[in-house]
Protein backbone atom coordinates (compact mmCIF):
# COMPACT_ATOMS: atom_id res chain seq x y z
CA MET A 1 73.24 82.56 112.62
CA THR A 2 72.80 85.98 111.03
CA ARG A 3 75.88 88.18 110.95
CA VAL A 4 75.61 91.95 111.21
CA CYS A 5 77.95 94.85 110.46
CA ALA A 6 80.82 95.16 112.97
CA VAL A 7 80.44 98.93 113.31
CA PRO A 8 78.66 99.67 116.62
CA GLY A 9 75.07 100.78 116.19
CA CYS A 10 74.83 99.79 112.51
CA GLY A 11 73.12 96.38 112.67
CA ALA A 12 72.94 95.91 108.88
CA VAL A 13 72.63 92.21 107.98
CA LEU A 14 75.65 90.91 106.05
CA TYR A 15 75.52 88.69 102.98
CA VAL A 16 76.57 85.10 103.75
CA ARG A 17 79.81 85.40 101.71
CA ASN A 18 80.81 88.80 103.11
CA THR A 19 84.49 88.67 104.09
CA SER A 20 84.97 92.27 105.24
CA GLY A 21 82.76 92.05 108.34
CA VAL A 22 81.09 95.38 107.54
CA CYS A 23 78.17 96.51 105.36
CA ARG A 24 78.56 98.47 102.13
CA SER A 25 78.05 101.77 103.96
CA HIS A 26 81.09 101.05 106.15
CA SER A 27 83.28 99.41 103.51
CA HIS A 28 86.94 100.40 104.12
CA ALA A 29 86.04 102.09 107.43
CA ASP A 30 89.26 102.63 109.33
CA GLY A 31 89.64 100.08 112.12
CA TRP A 32 86.56 98.04 111.19
CA CYS A 33 86.86 96.73 107.63
CA GLN A 34 88.62 93.36 107.33
CA CYS A 35 88.84 93.20 103.49
CA PHE A 36 92.07 92.39 101.65
CA ASP A 37 92.71 96.02 100.70
CA CYS A 38 92.43 97.17 104.31
CA THR A 39 94.27 94.31 106.03
CA GLY A 40 96.53 92.88 103.32
CA VAL A 41 95.39 89.40 104.38
CA VAL A 42 93.83 87.15 101.74
CA PRO A 43 90.64 85.57 103.16
CA LYS A 44 90.40 81.80 103.11
CA PRO A 45 87.56 80.41 100.99
CA PRO A 46 84.59 79.13 103.01
CA VAL A 47 84.46 75.36 103.32
CA SER A 48 81.21 73.64 104.22
CA ALA A 49 81.33 70.97 106.92
CA GLY A 50 82.69 67.69 105.61
CA ALA A 51 83.29 69.01 102.09
CA THR A 52 86.63 68.53 100.42
CA VAL A 53 87.82 71.18 98.05
CA LYS A 54 90.37 71.53 95.30
CA THR A 55 92.14 74.73 94.29
CA VAL A 56 93.25 75.04 90.68
CA GLU A 57 94.72 77.81 88.56
CA VAL A 58 92.54 78.78 85.62
CA PRO A 59 93.88 80.79 82.67
CA TYR A 60 91.93 83.84 81.57
CA PRO A 61 92.42 86.32 78.74
CA THR A 62 93.54 89.85 79.58
CA SER A 63 94.87 92.86 77.75
CA ASN A 64 96.32 94.50 80.85
CA SER A 65 100.08 94.33 81.09
CA GLY A 66 101.38 93.29 84.48
CA VAL A 67 98.23 91.36 85.36
CA ALA A 68 98.51 87.63 86.03
CA LEU A 69 97.03 85.48 83.30
CA ARG A 70 95.92 82.84 85.78
CA ALA A 71 93.45 82.99 88.66
CA LYS A 72 93.12 80.59 91.60
CA VAL A 73 89.67 79.01 91.85
CA THR A 74 88.48 76.81 94.73
CA LEU A 75 85.75 74.27 94.00
CA PRO A 76 84.35 71.14 95.68
CA LYS A 77 86.18 68.00 94.57
CA GLU A 78 84.50 65.43 92.34
CA PRO A 79 81.97 63.92 92.06
CA TRP A 80 79.73 66.84 91.18
CA THR A 81 76.09 66.30 91.97
């Protein structure tokens, strides 16, 4: 099923991993955008039917003070095929 922008009259097709519910032209539109910055709610990662996933914290280098040195990454569990 193809998803389209939530703004009435827009009809722009959304990318399959779009979490905001709106196209780039309406990003952060008041009352329509559902992104983390607009709602404060972290979206859940998509899970395909029957797949089991594992979330791990991965370290990454940074030179920015105050920024976490670990990021959460969600991947399918083993075995990888």
